[in-house]
C-alpha cells in the first residue's frame, strides 16, 4: 500500500511511502515563481536547501538522511559538478553516503540542483 506525504514546508518536496521505502525529491526553487529561494544563494546553499527539504519529508515517515539508500542528482551545468560533489559530501558527513548518480541536464527556471532520493526502512512498517 502506498501513502503520500507532504511536509508543511514551502517548495516541491513530497514523498510516497510504502512499507519498505520512501521516495522523495527536492529542489531549492519556489514553484510559484520558478526562482531559487533566497536562502539558496550559493550552490552549496542550494544543495543544503534540497537536503533539508528531503530530510523534512523523510522525518514525516520516521526516517532520517542516514536511511537514504539511493539518490539521483542533477545539476544544470557541467561547471557545477565538482562544487556539487563537495557540498554533498560536506552536508552528509560523516556518512553513511547513499549510492549516487550525478547528471548534467537542463533544469527549469534558475534551478541549478535537483535531488531525487530513495530511503529504506530497516523493518517493514
PDB file of N, CA and C in Angstrom:
ATOM      1  N   UNK A   1       0.841  -1.178   0.000  1.00  0.00           N
ATOM      2  CA  UNK A   1       0.000   0.000   0.000  1.00  0.00           C
ATOM      3  C   UNK A   1       0.889   1.244   0.000  1.00  0.00           C
ATOM      4  N   UNK A   2       0.518   2.252  -0.761  1.00  0.00           N
ATOM      5  CA  UNK A   2       1.278   3.480  -0.879  1.00  0.00           C
ATOM      6  C   UNK A   2       0.533   4.613  -0.190  1.00  0.00           C
ATOM      7  N   UNK A   3       1.279   5.440   0.525  1.00  0.00           N
ATOM      8  CA  UNK A   3       0.730   6.618   1.186  1.00  0.00           C
ATOM      9  C   UNK A   3       1.518   7.822   0.690  1.00  0.00           C
ATOM     10  N   UNK A   4       0.851   8.928   0.454  1.00  0.00           N
ATOM     11  CA  UNK A   4       1.529  10.150   0.043  1.00  0.00           C
ATOM     12  C   UNK A   4       1.681  11.055   1.248  1.00  0.00           C
ATOM     13  N   UNK A   5       2.840  11.715   1.357  1.00  0.00           N
ATOM     14  CA  UNK A   5       3.066  12.656   2.445  1.00  0.00           C
ATOM     15  C   UNK A   5       3.550  13.966   1.871  1.00  0.00           C
ATOM     16  N   UNK A   6       3.223  15.034   2.543  1.00  0.00           N
ATOM     17  CA  UNK A   6       3.692  16.370   2.163  1.00  0.00           C
ATOM     18  C   UNK A   6       3.968  17.132   3.450  1.00  0.00           C
ATOM     19  N   UNK A   7       5.241  17.341   3.778  1.00  0.00           N
ATOM     20  CA  UNK A   7       5.550  18.084   4.995  1.00  0.00           C
ATOM     21  C   UNK A   7       5.103  19.530   4.874  1.00  0.00           C
ATOM     22  N   UNK A   8       4.951  20.185   5.984  1.00  0.00           N
ATOM     23  CA  UNK A   8       4.459  21.564   5.986  1.00  0.00           C
ATOM     24  C   UNK A   8       5.604  22.536   5.739  1.00  0.00           C
ATOM     25  N   UNK A   9       6.207  22.431   4.556  1.00  0.00           N
ATOM     26  CA  UNK A   9       7.270  23.350   4.153  1.00  0.00           C
ATOM     27  C   UNK A   9       6.950  23.874   2.770  1.00  0.00           C
ATOM     28  N   UNK A  10       7.521  25.021   2.447  1.00  0.00           N
ATOM     29  CA  UNK A  10       7.372  25.544   1.096  1.00  0.00           C
ATOM     30  C   UNK A  10       8.205  24.713   0.141  1.00  0.00           C
ATOM     31  N   UNK A  11       7.775  24.630  -1.063  1.00  0.00           N
ATOM     32  CA  UNK A  11       8.602  24.009  -2.076  1.00  0.00           C
ATOM     33  C   UNK A  11       8.112  22.670  -2.550  1.00  0.00           C
ATOM     34  N   UNK A  12       8.663  22.231  -3.669  1.00  0.00           N
ATOM     35  CA  UNK A  12       8.229  20.997  -4.309  1.00  0.00           C
ATOM     36  C   UNK A  12       8.890  19.757  -3.708  1.00  0.00           C
ATOM     37  N   UNK A  13       8.564  19.463  -2.463  1.00  0.00           N
ATOM     38  CA  UNK A  13       9.103  18.268  -1.839  1.00  0.00           C
ATOM     39  C   UNK A  13       7.957  17.493  -1.213  1.00  0.00           C
ATOM     40  N   UNK A  14       7.746  16.325  -1.682  1.00  0.00           N
ATOM     41  CA  UNK A  14       6.704  15.455  -1.147  1.00  0.00           C
ATOM     42  C   UNK A  14       7.244  14.045  -1.224  1.00  0.00           C
ATOM     43  N   UNK A  15       6.500  13.125  -0.689  1.00  0.00           N
ATOM     44  CA  UNK A  15       7.004  11.759  -0.711  1.00  0.00           C
ATOM     45  C   UNK A  15       5.909  10.744  -0.919  1.00  0.00           C
ATOM     46  N   UNK A  16       6.331   9.595  -1.384  1.00  0.00           N
ATOM     47  CA  UNK A  16       5.466   8.432  -1.474  1.00  0.00           C
ATOM     48  C   UNK A  16       6.090   7.382  -0.569  1.00  0.00           C
ATOM     49  N   UNK A  17       5.263   6.808   0.290  1.00  0.00           N
ATOM     50  CA  UNK A  17       5.741   5.876   1.294  1.00  0.00           C
ATOM     51  C   UNK A  17       5.122   4.510   1.059  1.00  0.00           C
ATOM     52  N   UNK A  18       5.975   3.483   1.078  1.00  0.00           N
ATOM     53  CA  UNK A  18       5.494   2.106   1.050  1.00  0.00           C
ATOM     54  C   UNK A  18       5.932   1.456   2.363  1.00  0.00           C
ATOM     55  N   UNK A  19       5.647   0.183   2.515  1.00  0.00           N
ATOM     56  CA  UNK A  19       6.055  -0.468   3.755  1.00  0.00           C
ATOM     57  C   UNK A  19       7.572  -0.543   3.890  1.00  0.00           C
ATOM     58  N   UNK A  20       8.330  -0.482   2.806  1.00  0.00           N
ATOM     59  CA  UNK A  20       9.792  -0.598   2.852  1.00  0.00           C
ATOM     60  C   UNK A  20      10.552   0.662   2.423  1.00  0.00           C
ATOM     61  N   UNK A  21       9.934   1.509   1.605  1.00  0.00           N
ATOM     62  CA  UNK A  21      10.680   2.619   1.023  1.00  0.00           C
ATOM     63  C   UNK A  21       9.940   3.935   1.121  1.00  0.00           C
ATOM     64  N   UNK A  22      10.730   5.020   1.093  1.00  0.00           N
ATOM     65  CA  UNK A  22      10.195   6.373   0.953  1.00  0.00           C
ATOM     66  C   UNK A  22      10.883   6.972  -0.273  1.00  0.00           C
ATOM     67  N   UNK A  23      10.085   7.495  -1.177  1.00  0.00           N
ATOM     68  CA  UNK A  23      10.572   8.119  -2.410  1.00  0.00           C
ATOM     69  C   UNK A  23      10.265   9.610  -2.321  1.00  0.00           C
ATOM     70  N   UNK A  24      11.248  10.447  -2.558  1.00  0.00           N
ATOM     71  CA  UNK A  24      11.034  11.886  -2.488  1.00  0.00           C
ATOM     72  C   UNK A  24      12.030  12.607  -3.400  1.00  0.00           C
ATOM     73  N   UNK A  25      11.799  13.880  -3.605  1.00  0.00           N
ATOM     74  CA  UNK A  25      12.694  14.702  -4.413  1.00  0.00           C
ATOM     75  C   UNK A  25      12.588  16.136  -3.937  1.00  0.00           C
ATOM     76  N   UNK A  26      13.623  16.923  -4.231  1.00  0.00           N
ATOM     77  CA  UNK A  26      13.586  18.323  -3.819  1.00  0.00           C
ATOM     78  C   UNK A  26      14.475  19.170  -4.718  1.00  0.00           C
ATOM     79  N   UNK A  27      14.070  20.412  -4.821  1.00  0.00           N
ATOM     80  CA  UNK A  27      14.906  21.444  -5.424  1.00  0.00           C
ATOM     81  C   UNK A  27      14.797  22.654  -4.498  1.00  0.00           C
ATOM     82  N   UNK A  28      15.563  23.683  -4.787  1.00  0.00           N
ATOM     83  CA  UNK A  28      15.530  24.893  -3.966  1.00  0.00           C
ATOM     84  C   UNK A  28      14.816  26.008  -4.705  1.00  0.00           C
ATOM     85  N   UNK A  29      13.774  25.630  -5.433  1.00  0.00           N
ATOM     86  CA  UNK A  29      13.026  26.573  -6.260  1.00  0.00           C
ATOM     87  C   UNK A  29      11.632  26.768  -5.689  1.00  0.00           C
ATOM     88  N   UNK A  30      11.174  27.995  -5.715  1.00  0.00           N
ATOM     89  CA  UNK A  30       9.795  28.299  -5.351  1.00  0.00           C
ATOM     90  C   UNK A  30       8.940  27.944  -6.567  1.00  0.00           C
ATOM     91  N   UNK A  31       8.030  26.980  -6.441  1.00  0.00           N
ATOM     92  CA  UNK A  31       7.267  26.539  -7.618  1.00  0.00           C
ATOM     93  C   UNK A  31       6.367  27.624  -8.211  1.00  0.00           C
ATOM     94  N   UNK A  32       6.024  28.633  -7.437  1.00  0.00           N
ATOM     95  CA  UNK A  32       5.161  29.702  -7.951  1.00  0.00           C
ATOM     96  C   UNK A  32       5.913  30.618  -8.917  1.00  0.00           C
ATOM     97  N   UNK A  33       7.213  30.803  -8.675  1.00  0.00           N
ATOM     98  CA  UNK A  33       7.987  31.739  -9.485  1.00  0.00           C
ATOM     99  C   UNK A  33       9.057  31.061 -10.338  1.00  0.00           C
ATOM    100  N   UNK A  34       9.361  29.799 -10.027  1.00  0.00           N
ATOM    101  CA  UNK A  34      10.435  29.048 -10.670  1.00  0.00           C
ATOM    102  C   UNK A  34      11.786  29.733 -10.464  1.00  0.00           C
ATOM    103  N   UNK A  35      11.910  30.454  -9.367  1.00  0.00           N
ATOM    104  CA  UNK A  35      13.170  31.105  -8.989  1.00  0.00           C
ATOM    105  C   UNK A  35      13.694  30.431  -7.732  1.00  0.00           C
ATOM    106  N   UNK A  36      15.028  30.430  -7.588  1.00  0.00           N
ATOM    107  CA  UNK A  36      15.619  29.888  -6.372  1.00  0.00           C
ATOM    108  C   UNK A  36      15.140  30.658  -5.161  1.00  0.00           C
ATOM    109  N   UNK A  37      14.967  29.956  -4.059  1.00  0.00           N
ATOM    110  CA  UNK A  37      14.598  30.608  -2.808  1.00  0.00           C
ATOM    111  C   UNK A  37      15.783  31.434  -2.331  1.00  0.00           C
ATOM    112  N   UNK A  38      15.538  32.516  -1.584  1.00  0.00           N
ATOM    113  CA  UNK A  38      16.628  33.415  -1.179  1.00  0.00           C
ATOM    114  C   UNK A  38      17.762  32.727  -0.424  1.00  0.00           C
ATOM    115  N   UNK A  39      17.454  31.709   0.362  1.00  0.00           N
ATOM    116  CA  UNK A  39      18.500  31.045   1.139  1.00  0.00           C
ATOM    117  C   UNK A  39      19.381  30.123   0.294  1.00  0.00           C
ATOM    118  N   UNK A  40      19.161  30.069  -1.014  1.00  0.00           N
ATOM    119  CA  UNK A  40      19.960  29.228  -1.924  1.00  0.00           C
ATOM    120  C   UNK A  40      20.860  30.093  -2.795  1.00  0.00           C
ATOM    121  N   UNK A  41      21.575  31.015  -2.180  1.00  0.00           N
ATOM    122  CA  UNK A  41      22.416  31.931  -2.931  1.00  0.00           C
ATOM    123  C   UNK A  41      23.585  31.212  -3.618  1.00  0.00           C
ATOM    124  N   UNK A  42      24.362  30.465  -2.866  1.00  0.00           N
ATOM    125  CA  UNK A  42      25.474  29.723  -3.463  1.00  0.00           C
ATOM    126  C   UNK A  42      25.006  28.315  -3.824  1.00  0.00           C
ATOM    127  N   UNK A  43      25.802  27.607  -4.593  1.00  0.00           N
ATOM    128  CA  UNK A  43      25.452  26.230  -4.940  1.00  0.00           C
ATOM    129  C   UNK A  43      25.431  25.362  -3.682  1.00  0.00           C
ATOM    130  N   UNK A  44      26.390  25.588  -2.779  1.00  0.00           N
ATOM    131  CA  UNK A  44      26.423  24.859  -1.505  1.00  0.00           C
ATOM    132  C   UNK A  44      25.113  25.073  -0.751  1.00  0.00           C
ATOM    133  N   UNK A  45      24.654  26.320  -0.696  1.00  0.00           N
ATOM    134  CA  UNK A  45      23.378  26.628  -0.039  1.00  0.00           C
ATOM    135  C   UNK A  45      22.216  25.919  -0.723  1.00  0.00           C
ATOM    136  N   UNK A  46      22.268  25.859  -2.044  1.00  0.00           N
ATOM    137  CA  UNK A  46      21.193  25.222  -2.796  1.00  0.00           C
ATOM    138  C   UNK A  46      21.117  23.722  -2.496  1.00  0.00           C
ATOM    139  N   UNK A  47      22.275  23.084  -2.403  1.00  0.00           N
ATOM    140  CA  UNK A  47      22.303  21.669  -2.029  1.00  0.00           C
ATOM    141  C   UNK A  47      21.767  21.502  -0.608  1.00  0.00           C
ATOM    142  N   UNK A  48      22.137  22.405   0.294  1.00  0.00           N
ATOM    143  CA  UNK A  48      21.654  22.351   1.673  1.00  0.00           C
ATOM    144  C   UNK A  48      20.126  22.441   1.724  1.00  0.00           C
ATOM    145  N   UNK A  49      19.553  23.361   0.965  1.00  0.00           N
ATOM    146  CA  UNK A  49      18.094  23.511   0.937  1.00  0.00           C
ATOM    147  C   UNK A  49      17.445  22.217   0.438  1.00  0.00           C
ATOM    148  N   UNK A  50      17.980  21.656  -0.626  1.00  0.00           N
ATOM    149  CA  UNK A  50      17.440  20.389  -1.157  1.00  0.00           C
ATOM    150  C   UNK A  50      17.466  19.300  -0.099  1.00  0.00           C
ATOM    151  N   UNK A  51      18.610  19.140   0.562  1.00  0.00           N
ATOM    152  CA  UNK A  51      18.729  18.078   1.565  1.00  0.00           C
ATOM    153  C   UNK A  51      17.846  18.330   2.780  1.00  0.00           C
ATOM    154  N   UNK A  52      17.673  19.579   3.170  1.00  0.00           N
ATOM    155  CA  UNK A  52      16.764  19.883   4.296  1.00  0.00           C
ATOM    156  C   UNK A  52      15.318  19.558   3.929  1.00  0.00           C
ATOM    157  N   UNK A  53      14.939  19.844   2.695  1.00  0.00           N
ATOM    158  CA  UNK A  53      13.580  19.519   2.266  1.00  0.00           C
ATOM    159  C   UNK A  53      13.379  17.998   2.237  1.00  0.00           C
ATOM    160  N   UNK A  54      14.372  17.289   1.749  1.00  0.00           N
ATOM    161  CA  UNK A  54      14.296  15.830   1.752  1.00  0.00           C
ATOM    162  C   UNK A  54      14.243  15.316   3.185  1.00  0.00           C
ATOM    163  N   UNK A  55      15.062  15.889   4.039  1.00  0.00           N
ATOM    164  CA  UNK A  55      15.108  15.479   5.447  1.00  0.00           C
ATOM    165  C   UNK A  55      13.748  15.660   6.122  1.00  0.00           C
ATOM    166  N   UNK A  56      13.070  16.767   5.842  1.00  0.00           N
ATOM    167  CA  UNK A  56      11.745  17.009   6.431  1.00  0.00           C
ATOM    168  C   UNK A  56      10.719  16.004   5.929  1.00  0.00           C
ATOM    169  N   UNK A  57      10.794  15.666   4.662  1.00  0.00           N
ATOM    170  CA  UNK A  57       9.880  14.662   4.112  1.00  0.00           C
ATOM    171  C   UNK A  57      10.147  13.300   4.752  1.00  0.00           C
ATOM    172  N   UNK A  58      11.420  12.938   4.861  1.00  0.00           N
ATOM    173  CA  UNK A  58      11.759  11.661   5.490  1.00  0.00           C
ATOM    174  C   UNK A  58      11.312  11.614   6.943  1.00  0.00           C
ATOM    175  N   UNK A  59      11.432  12.728   7.646  1.00  0.00           N
ATOM    176  CA  UNK A  59      11.015  12.782   9.052  1.00  0.00           C
ATOM    177  C   UNK A  59       9.530  12.483   9.200  1.00  0.00           C
ATOM    178  N   UNK A  60       8.728  12.926   8.240  1.00  0.00           N
ATOM    179  CA  UNK A  60       7.289  12.634   8.272  1.00  0.00           C
ATOM    180  C   UNK A  60       7.029  11.130   8.224  1.00  0.00           C
ATOM    181  N   UNK A  61       7.975  10.382   7.667  1.00  0.00           N
ATOM    182  CA  UNK A  61       7.849   8.921   7.562  1.00  0.00           C
ATOM    183  C   UNK A  61       8.665   8.210   8.642  1.00  0.00           C
ATOM    184  N   UNK A  62       9.245   8.986   9.568  1.00  0.00           N
ATOM    185  CA  UNK A  62      10.017   8.397  10.653  1.00  0.00           C
ATOM    186  C   UNK A  62      11.435   8.006  10.269  1.00  0.00           C
ATOM    187  N   UNK A  63      11.979   8.612   9.208  1.00  0.00           N
ATOM    188  CA  UNK A  63      13.325   8.293   8.740  1.00  0.00           C
ATOM    189  C   UNK A  63      14.215   9.533   8.778  1.00  0.00           C
ATOM    190  N   UNK A  64      15.509   9.330   8.555  1.00  0.00           N
ATOM    191  CA  UNK A  64      16.468  10.428   8.513  1.00  0.00           C
ATOM    192  C   UNK A  64      17.304  10.306   7.238  1.00  0.00           C
ATOM    193  N   UNK A  65      18.196  11.262   7.047  1.00  0.00           N
ATOM    194  CA  UNK A  65      19.091  11.207   5.891  1.00  0.00           C
ATOM    195  C   UNK A  65      19.998   9.973   5.946  1.00  0.00           C
ATOM    196  N   UNK A  66      20.244   9.443   7.110  1.00  0.00           N
ATOM    197  CA  UNK A  66      21.067   8.231   7.236  1.00  0.00           C
ATOM    198  C   UNK A  66      20.370   7.001   6.650  1.00  0.00           C
ATOM    199  N   UNK A  67      19.047   7.096   6.414  1.00  0.00           N
ATOM    200  CA  UNK A  67      18.291   5.993   5.825  1.00  0.00           C
ATOM    201  C   UNK A  67      18.277   6.039   4.302  1.00  0.00           C
ATOM    202  N   UNK A  68      18.897   7.079   3.711  1.00  0.00           N
ATOM    203  CA  UNK A  68      18.953   7.160   2.256  1.00  0.00           C
ATOM    204  C   UNK A  68      19.762   5.987   1.706  1.00  0.00           C
ATOM    205  N   UNK A  69      19.245   5.379   0.642  1.00  0.00           N
ATOM    206  CA  UNK A  69      19.960   4.274   0.016  1.00  0.00           C
ATOM    207  C   UNK A  69      20.417   4.618  -1.397  1.00  0.00           C
ATOM    208  N   UNK A  70      19.676   5.485  -2.082  1.00  0.00           N
ATOM    209  CA  UNK A  70      19.993   5.831  -3.469  1.00  0.00           C
ATOM    210  C   UNK A  70      19.523   7.244  -3.748  1.00  0.00           C
ATOM    211  N   UNK A  71      20.391   8.048  -4.342  1.00  0.00           N
ATOM    212  CA  UNK A  71      19.988   9.380  -4.776  1.00  0.00           C
ATOM    213  C   UNK A  71      20.422   9.578  -6.223  1.00  0.00           C
ATOM    214  N   UNK A  72      19.579  10.269  -6.958  1.00  0.00           N
ATOM    215  CA  UNK A  72      19.909  10.693  -8.304  1.00  0.00           C
ATOM    216  C   UNK A  72      19.913  12.210  -8.262  1.00  0.00           C
ATOM    217  N   UNK A  73      21.003  12.799  -8.701  1.00  0.00           N
ATOM    218  CA  UNK A  73      21.185  14.247  -8.597  1.00  0.00           C
ATOM    219  C   UNK A  73      21.399  14.830  -9.985  1.00  0.00           C
ATOM    220  N   UNK A  74      20.880  16.019 -10.169  1.00  0.00           N
ATOM    221  CA  UNK A  74      21.052  16.727 -11.428  1.00  0.00           C
ATOM    222  C   UNK A  74      21.596  18.114 -11.140  1.00  0.00           C
ATOM    223  N   UNK A  75      22.529  18.554 -11.960  1.00  0.00           N
ATOM    224  CA  UNK A  75      22.998  19.935 -11.934  1.00  0.00           C
ATOM    225  C   UNK A  75      22.764  20.520 -13.322  1.00  0.00           C
ATOM    226  N   UNK A  76      22.543  21.815 -13.364  1.00  0.00           N
ATOM    227  CA  UNK A  76      22.151  22.442 -14.629  1.00  0.00           C
ATOM    228  C   UNK A  76      23.317  22.671 -15.592  1.00  0.00           C
ATOM    229  N   UNK A  77      24.547  22.688 -15.072  1.00  0.00           N
ATOM    230  CA  UNK A  77      25.704  22.919 -15.939  1.00  0.00           C
ATOM    231  C   UNK A  77      26.888  22.093 -15.454  1.00  0.00           C
ATOM    232  N   UNK A  78      27.730  21.701 -16.388  1.00  0.00           N
ATOM    233  CA  UNK A  78      28.921  20.907 -16.066  1.00  0.00           C
ATOM    234  C   UNK A  78      29.789  21.605 -15.016  1.00  0.00           C
ATOM    235  N   UNK A  79      29.867  22.923 -15.071  1.00  0.00           N
ATOM    236  CA  UNK A  79      30.735  23.662 -14.144  1.00  0.00           C
ATOM    237  C   UNK A  79      30.317  23.492 -12.683  1.00  0.00           C
ATOM    238  N   UNK A  80      29.106  23.006 -12.425  1.00  0.00           N
ATOM    239  CA  UNK A  80      28.639  22.808 -11.049  1.00  0.00           C
ATOM    240  C   UNK A  80      28.935  21.412 -10.505  1.00  0.00           C
ATOM    241  N   UNK A  81      29.378  20.509 -11.359  1.00  0.00           N
ATOM    242  CA  UNK A  81      29.545  19.103 -10.957  1.00  0.00           C
ATOM    243  C   UNK A  81      30.465  18.939  -9.741  1.00  0.00           C
ATOM    244  N   UNK A  82      31.657  19.491  -9.779  1.00  0.00           N
ATOM    245  CA  UNK A  82      32.611  19.322  -8.689  1.00  0.00           C
ATOM    246  C   UNK A  82      32.152  20.050  -7.425  1.00  0.00           C
ATOM    247  N   UNK A  83      31.651  21.272  -7.590  1.00  0.00           N
ATOM    248  CA  UNK A  83      31.157  22.027  -6.444  1.00  0.00           C
ATOM    249  C   UNK A  83      30.003  21.285  -5.767  1.00  0.00           C
ATOM    250  N   UNK A  84      29.121  20.687  -6.562  1.00  0.00           N
ATOM    251  CA  UNK A  84      28.030  19.889  -6.006  1.00  0.00           C
ATOM    252  C   UNK A  84      28.590  18.725  -5.195  1.00  0.00           C
ATOM    253  N   UNK A  85      29.559  18.012  -5.758  1.00  0.00           N
ATOM    254  CA  UNK A  85      30.125  16.839  -5.083  1.00  0.00           C
ATOM    255  C   UNK A  85      30.708  17.217  -3.727  1.00  0.00           C
ATOM    256  N   UNK A  86      31.422  18.339  -3.652  1.00  0.00           N
ATOM    257  CA  UNK A  86      31.986  18.773  -2.372  1.00  0.00           C
ATOM    258  C   UNK A  86      30.890  19.167  -1.381  1.00  0.00           C
ATOM    259  N   UNK A  87      29.892  19.903  -1.834  1.00  0.00           N
ATOM    260  CA  UNK A  87      28.808  20.312  -0.948  1.00  0.00           C
ATOM    261  C   UNK A  87      28.042  19.099  -0.426  1.00  0.00           C
ATOM    262  N   UNK A  88      27.734  18.182  -1.310  1.00  0.00           N
ATOM    263  CA  UNK A  88      27.009  16.958  -0.956  1.00  0.00           C
ATOM    264  C   UNK A  88      27.780  16.179   0.103  1.00  0.00           C
ATOM    265  N   UNK A  89      29.091  15.991  -0.140  1.00  0.00           N
ATOM    266  CA  UNK A  89      29.939  15.263   0.815  1.00  0.00           C
ATOM    267  C   UNK A  89      29.943  15.968   2.175  1.00  0.00           C
ATOM    268  N   UNK A  90      30.125  17.291   2.176  1.00  0.00           N
ATOM    269  CA  UNK A  90      30.179  18.043   3.427  1.00  0.00           C
ATOM    270  C   UNK A  90      28.858  17.989   4.193  1.00  0.00           C
ATOM    271  N   UNK A  91      27.758  18.111   3.484  1.00  0.00           N
ATOM    272  CA  UNK A  91      26.450  18.186   4.134  1.00  0.00           C
ATOM    273  C   UNK A  91      25.963  16.833   4.648  1.00  0.00           C
ATOM    274  N   UNK A  92      26.447  15.746   4.071  1.00  0.00           N
ATOM    275  CA  UNK A  92      26.055  14.420   4.553  1.00  0.00           C
ATOM    276  C   UNK A  92      27.131  13.775   5.432  1.00  0.00           C
ATOM    277  N   UNK A  93      28.213  14.503   5.695  1.00  0.00           N
ATOM    278  CA  UNK A  93      29.301  13.967   6.527  1.00  0.00           C
ATOM    279  C   UNK A  93      28.790  13.672   7.933  1.00  0.00           C
ATOM    280  N   UNK A  94      29.243  12.654   8.570  1.00  0.00           N
ATOM    281  CA  UNK A  94      30.318  11.762   8.170  1.00  0.00           C
ATOM    282  C   UNK A  94      29.822  10.540   7.403  1.00  0.00           C
ATOM    283  N   UNK A  95      28.620  10.576   6.877  1.00  0.00           N
ATOM    284  CA  UNK A  95      28.065   9.418   6.166  1.00  0.00           C
ATOM    285  C   UNK A  95      27.147   8.655   7.095  1.00  0.00           C
ATOM    286  N   UNK A  96      26.660   7.527   6.732  1.00  0.00           N
ATOM    287  CA  UNK A  96      26.993   6.803   5.508  1.00  0.00           C
ATOM    288  C   UNK A  96      26.418   7.511   4.274  1.00  0.00           C
ATOM    289  N   UNK A  97      27.134   7.392   3.182  1.00  0.00           N
ATOM    290  CA  UNK A  97      26.709   8.014   1.946  1.00  0.00           C
ATOM    291  C   UNK A  97      25.923   7.003   1.109  1.00  0.00           C
ATOM    292  N   UNK A  98      24.764   7.425   0.623  1.00  0.00           N
ATOM    293  CA  UNK A  98      23.992   6.519  -0.241  1.00  0.00           C
ATOM    294  C   UNK A  98      24.640   6.413  -1.618  1.00  0.00           C
ATOM    295  N   UNK A  99      24.252   5.413  -2.365  1.00  0.00           N
ATOM    296  CA  UNK A  99      24.659   5.296  -3.757  1.00  0.00           C
ATOM    297  C   UNK A  99      24.173   6.553  -4.483  1.00  0.00           C
ATOM    298  N   UNK A 100      25.022   7.104  -5.366  1.00  0.00           N
ATOM    299  CA  UNK A 100      24.645   8.372  -6.012  1.00  0.00           C
ATOM    300  C   UNK A 100      24.986   8.357  -7.485  1.00  0.00           C
ATOM    301  N   UNK A 101      24.069   8.910  -8.263  1.00  0.00           N
ATOM    302  CA  UNK A 101      24.319   9.196  -9.674  1.00  0.00           C
ATOM    303  C   UNK A 101      24.181  10.709  -9.839  1.00  0.00           C
ATOM    304  N   UNK A 102      25.038  11.307 -10.646  1.00  0.00           N
ATOM    305  CA  UNK A 102      25.018  12.752 -10.862  1.00  0.00           C
ATOM    306  C   UNK A 102      25.042  13.025 -12.356  1.00  0.00           C
ATOM    307  N   UNK A 103      24.060  13.796 -12.818  1.00  0.00           N
ATOM    308  CA  UNK A 103      23.913  14.098 -14.239  1.00  0.00           C
ATOM    309  C   UNK A 103      23.832  15.601 -14.468  1.00  0.00           C
ATOM    310  N   UNK A 104      24.286  16.026 -15.621  1.00  0.00           N
ATOM    311  CA  UNK A 104      24.127  17.411 -16.057  1.00  0.00           C
ATOM    312  C   UNK A 104      22.949  17.431 -17.011  1.00  0.00           C
ATOM    313  N   UNK A 105      21.988  18.298 -16.724  1.00  0.00           N
ATOM    314  CA  UNK A 105      20.755  18.346 -17.516  1.00  0.00           C
ATOM    315  C   UNK A 105      20.131  19.735 -17.370  1.00  0.00           C
ATOM    316  N   UNK A 106      19.374  20.165 -18.353  1.00  0.00           N
ATOM    317  CA  UNK A 106      18.667  21.434 -18.246  1.00  0.00           C
ATOM    318  C   UNK A 106      17.605  21.338 -17.160  1.00  0.00           C
ATOM    319  N   UNK A 107      17.572  22.307 -16.261  1.00  0.00           N
ATOM    320  CA  UNK A 107      16.586  22.347 -15.187  1.00  0.00           C
ATOM    321  C   UNK A 107      15.733  23.596 -15.349  1.00  0.00           C
ATOM    322  N   UNK A 108      14.499  23.575 -14.875  1.00  0.00           N
ATOM    323  CA  UNK A 108      13.599  24.712 -15.076  1.00  0.00           C
ATOM    324  C   UNK A 108      13.999  25.947 -14.268  1.00  0.00           C
ATOM    325  N   UNK A 109      13.597  27.105 -14.771  1.00  0.00           N
ATOM    326  CA  UNK A 109      13.851  28.360 -14.071  1.00  0.00           C
ATOM    327  C   UNK A 109      15.338  28.567 -13.848  1.00  0.00           C
ATOM    328  N   UNK A 110      15.693  29.098 -12.677  1.00  0.00           N
ATOM    329  CA  UNK A 110      17.114  29.262 -12.382  1.00  0.00           C
ATOM    330  C   UNK A 110      17.608  28.195 -11.411  1.00  0.00           C
ATOM    331  N   UNK A 111      16.947  27.064 -11.443  1.00  0.00           N
ATOM    332  CA  UNK A 111      17.332  25.908 -10.628  1.00  0.00           C
ATOM    333  C   UNK A 111      18.681  25.377 -11.104  1.00  0.00           C
ATOM    334  N   UNK A 112      19.614  25.186 -10.154  1.00  0.00           N
ATOM    335  CA  UNK A 112      20.924  24.615 -10.503  1.00  0.00           C
ATOM    336  C   UNK A 112      21.045  23.169 -10.045  1.00  0.00           C
ATOM    337  N   UNK A 113      20.201  22.755  -9.079  1.00  0.00           N
ATOM    338  CA  UNK A 113      20.322  21.433  -8.467  1.00  0.00           C
ATOM    339  C   UNK A 113      18.943  20.831  -8.218  1.00  0.00           C
ATOM    340  N   UNK A 114      18.818  19.558  -8.468  1.00  0.00           N
ATOM    341  CA  UNK A 114      17.639  18.800  -8.038  1.00  0.00           C
ATOM    342  C   UNK A 114      18.126  17.436  -7.558  1.00  0.00           C
ATOM    343  N   UNK A 115      17.492  16.938  -6.497  1.00  0.00           N
ATOM    344  CA  UNK A 115      17.885  15.650  -5.923  1.00  0.00           C
ATOM    345  C   UNK A 115      16.646  14.776  -5.778  1.00  0.00           C
ATOM    346  N   UNK A 116      16.735  13.560  -6.292  1.00  0.00           N
ATOM    347  CA  UNK A 116      15.695  12.549  -6.161  1.00  0.00           C
ATOM    348  C   UNK A 116      16.259  11.502  -5.200  1.00  0.00           C
ATOM    349  N   UNK A 117      15.481  11.106  -4.198  1.00  0.00           N
ATOM    350  CA  UNK A 117      16.022  10.235  -3.154  1.00  0.00           C
ATOM    351  C   UNK A 117      15.116   9.064  -2.824  1.00  0.00           C
ATOM    352  N   UNK A 118      15.758   7.957  -2.481  1.00  0.00           N
ATOM    353  CA  UNK A 118      15.047   6.764  -2.008  1.00  0.00           C
ATOM    354  C   UNK A 118      15.657   6.378  -0.668  1.00  0.00           C
ATOM    355  N   UNK A 119      14.801   6.232   0.324  1.00  0.00           N
ATOM    356  CA  UNK A 119      15.235   5.792   1.649  1.00  0.00           C
ATOM    357  C   UNK A 119      14.563   4.475   1.958  1.00  0.00           C
ATOM    358  N   UNK A 120      15.236   3.638   2.729  1.00  0.00           N
ATOM    359  CA  UNK A 120      14.697   2.327   3.091  1.00  0.00           C
ATOM    360  C   UNK A 120      14.476   2.231   4.590  1.00  0.00           C
ATOM    361  N   UNK A 121      13.357   1.633   4.942  1.00  0.00           N
ATOM    362  CA  UNK A 121      13.091   1.349   6.347  1.00  0.00           C
ATOM    363  C   UNK A 121      13.899   0.123   6.737  1.00  0.00           C
ATOM    364  N   UNK A 122      14.339   0.109   7.968  1.00  0.00           N
ATOM    365  CA  UNK A 122      15.091  -1.041   8.450  1.00  0.00           C
ATOM    366  C   UNK A 122      14.189  -2.272   8.581  1.00  0.00           C
ATOM    367  N   UNK A 123      12.962  -2.047   9.002  1.00  0.00           N
ATOM    368  CA  UNK A 123      11.973  -3.122   9.119  1.00  0.00           C
ATOM    369  C   UNK A 123      10.678  -2.628   8.505  1.00  0.00           C
ATOM    370  N   UNK A 124       9.877  -3.490   7.914  1.00  0.00           N
ATOM    371  CA  UNK A 124       8.605  -3.046   7.340  1.00  0.00           C
ATOM    372  C   UNK A 124       7.736  -2.354   8.385  1.00  0.00           C
ATOM    373  N   UNK A 125       7.017  -1.315   7.940  1.00  0.00           N
ATOM    374  CA  UNK A 125       6.122  -0.571   8.837  1.00  0.00           C
ATOM    375  C   UNK A 125       4.905  -1.385   9.187  1.00  0.00           C
TER     376      UNK A 125
END
